[in-house]
Every structure is written in C-alpha cells, then in structure tokens.
C-alpha cells in the first residue's frame, strides 16, 4: 500500500498515512484534531534502477515542465 501525505485544513497538521488506493476521501482523519477536512499533498518518491550488480536509489527531482 502507498504512503500518502496530507495537511489538515483545520489545524494545519501535516501527516502521512499508509492507505489503500481505494480509500474513500471521508475515511482520512487528522490524527491531531480528528476532522476529515484534509488535503492530499504531492510528495517526493524514490525509485530503484536495476542496472549493475546492486540496485541504487535515485530520489526524484520533482516535476519538470514538458517539451
């Protein structure tokens, strides 16, 4: 299951949750104040290459414009 990052719209708490991709929006509650008014954040990720004798992790550089 993926890890999602959120920010609470009421108390501004930032938190991460391991959730199913099929989770309903109203299932996500702020761990600090308990409200369901949260916003999903764009988070960084890491990927591995399969080249060479061992895999190496390469952090994402974020999004870049196309073209």
C-alpha atoms as a PDB file:
ATOM      1  CA  UNK A   1       0.000   0.000   0.000  1.00  0.00           C
ATOM      2  CA  UNK A   2       1.259   3.503  -0.772  1.00  0.00           C
ATOM      3  CA  UNK A   3       2.093   6.202   1.748  1.00  0.00           C
ATOM      4  CA  UNK A   4       0.093   9.397   1.302  1.00  0.00           C
ATOM      5  CA  UNK A   5       0.905  12.803   2.806  1.00  0.00           C
ATOM      6  CA  UNK A   6      -1.830  15.160   3.979  1.00  0.00           C
ATOM      7  CA  UNK A   7      -2.347  18.530   5.630  1.00  0.00           C
ATOM      8  CA  UNK A   8      -5.330  19.238   7.879  1.00  0.00           C
ATOM      9  CA  UNK A   9      -7.382  22.224   6.759  1.00  0.00           C
ATOM     10  CA  UNK A  10      -8.464  22.978  10.346  1.00  0.00           C
ATOM     11  CA  UNK A  11      -5.296  22.719  12.478  1.00  0.00           C
ATOM     12  CA  UNK A  12      -2.626  22.712   9.694  1.00  0.00           C
ATOM     13  CA  UNK A  13      -1.131  19.403  10.932  1.00  0.00           C
ATOM     14  CA  UNK A  14       0.966  17.577   8.309  1.00  0.00           C
ATOM     15  CA  UNK A  15       0.827  13.781   8.486  1.00  0.00           C
ATOM     16  CA  UNK A  16       1.466  10.620   6.469  1.00  0.00           C
ATOM     17  CA  UNK A  17      -0.727   7.531   6.220  1.00  0.00           C
ATOM     18  CA  UNK A  18      -0.351   4.106   4.664  1.00  0.00           C
ATOM     19  CA  UNK A  19      -3.642   3.720   2.823  1.00  0.00           C
ATOM     20  CA  UNK A  20      -5.259   1.625   0.175  1.00  0.00           C
ATOM     21  CA  UNK A  21      -5.559   3.320  -3.202  1.00  0.00           C
ATOM     22  CA  UNK A  22      -9.321   2.677  -2.927  1.00  0.00           C
ATOM     23  CA  UNK A  23      -9.779   4.571   0.371  1.00  0.00           C
ATOM     24  CA  UNK A  24     -12.694   6.989   0.383  1.00  0.00           C
ATOM     25  CA  UNK A  25     -11.903  10.651   0.989  1.00  0.00           C
ATOM     26  CA  UNK A  26     -14.009  10.814   4.181  1.00  0.00           C
ATOM     27  CA  UNK A  27     -12.032   7.877   5.690  1.00  0.00           C
ATOM     28  CA  UNK A  28      -8.946  10.084   6.146  1.00  0.00           C
ATOM     29  CA  UNK A  29      -8.929  11.866   9.515  1.00  0.00           C
ATOM     30  CA  UNK A  30      -6.392  14.223  11.044  1.00  0.00           C
ATOM     31  CA  UNK A  31      -4.589  12.409  13.884  1.00  0.00           C
ATOM     32  CA  UNK A  32      -4.363  15.661  15.882  1.00  0.00           C
ATOM     33  CA  UNK A  33      -7.915  17.068  15.760  1.00  0.00           C
ATOM     34  CA  UNK A  34      -9.909  14.244  14.116  1.00  0.00           C
ATOM     35  CA  UNK A  35     -11.577  16.187  11.292  1.00  0.00           C
ATOM     36  CA  UNK A  36     -11.899  14.749   7.791  1.00  0.00           C
ATOM     37  CA  UNK A  37     -11.197  18.086   6.069  1.00  0.00           C
ATOM     38  CA  UNK A  38      -7.728  17.175   4.804  1.00  0.00           C
ATOM     39  CA  UNK A  39      -5.844  17.903   1.585  1.00  0.00           C
ATOM     40  CA  UNK A  40      -3.634  15.319  -0.113  1.00  0.00           C
ATOM     41  CA  UNK A  41      -0.157  16.681  -0.826  1.00  0.00           C
ATOM     42  CA  UNK A  42       2.179  15.906  -3.702  1.00  0.00           C
ATOM     43  CA  UNK A  43       5.070  14.019  -2.157  1.00  0.00           C
ATOM     44  CA  UNK A  44       8.515  13.077  -3.372  1.00  0.00           C
ATOM     45  CA  UNK A  45       9.355   9.474  -4.127  1.00  0.00           C
ATOM     46  CA  UNK A  46      12.330   7.258  -4.746  1.00  0.00           C
ATOM     47  CA  UNK A  47      12.898   4.693  -7.468  1.00  0.00           C
ATOM     48  CA  UNK A  48      15.469   1.974  -7.946  1.00  0.00           C
ATOM     49  CA  UNK A  49      17.427   1.096 -11.029  1.00  0.00           C
ATOM     50  CA  UNK A  50      18.032  -2.499 -11.934  1.00  0.00           C
ATOM     51  CA  UNK A  51      21.414  -1.877 -13.562  1.00  0.00           C
ATOM     52  CA  UNK A  52      24.728  -3.276 -12.345  1.00  0.00           C
ATOM     53  CA  UNK A  53      25.412  -5.672  -9.514  1.00  0.00           C
ATOM     54  CA  UNK A  54      23.266  -3.799  -6.971  1.00  0.00           C
ATOM     55  CA  UNK A  55      20.259  -1.539  -7.207  1.00  0.00           C
ATOM     56  CA  UNK A  56      20.737   2.086  -6.340  1.00  0.00           C
ATOM     57  CA  UNK A  57      18.123   4.534  -5.128  1.00  0.00           C
ATOM     58  CA  UNK A  58      17.633   7.729  -7.058  1.00  0.00           C
ATOM     59  CA  UNK A  59      15.462  10.390  -5.406  1.00  0.00           C
ATOM     60  CA  UNK A  60      13.012  12.138  -7.665  1.00  0.00           C
ATOM     61  CA  UNK A  61      13.871  15.662  -8.671  1.00  0.00           C
ATOM     62  CA  UNK A  62      10.250  16.736  -8.557  1.00  0.00           C
ATOM     63  CA  UNK A  63       8.149  17.611 -11.566  1.00  0.00           C
ATOM     64  CA  UNK A  64       9.604  19.422 -14.559  1.00  0.00           C
ATOM     65  CA  UNK A  65       7.854  21.056 -17.449  1.00  0.00           C
ATOM     66  CA  UNK A  66       7.478  19.117 -20.646  1.00  0.00           C
ATOM     67  CA  UNK A  67       8.697  19.977 -24.090  1.00  0.00           C
END
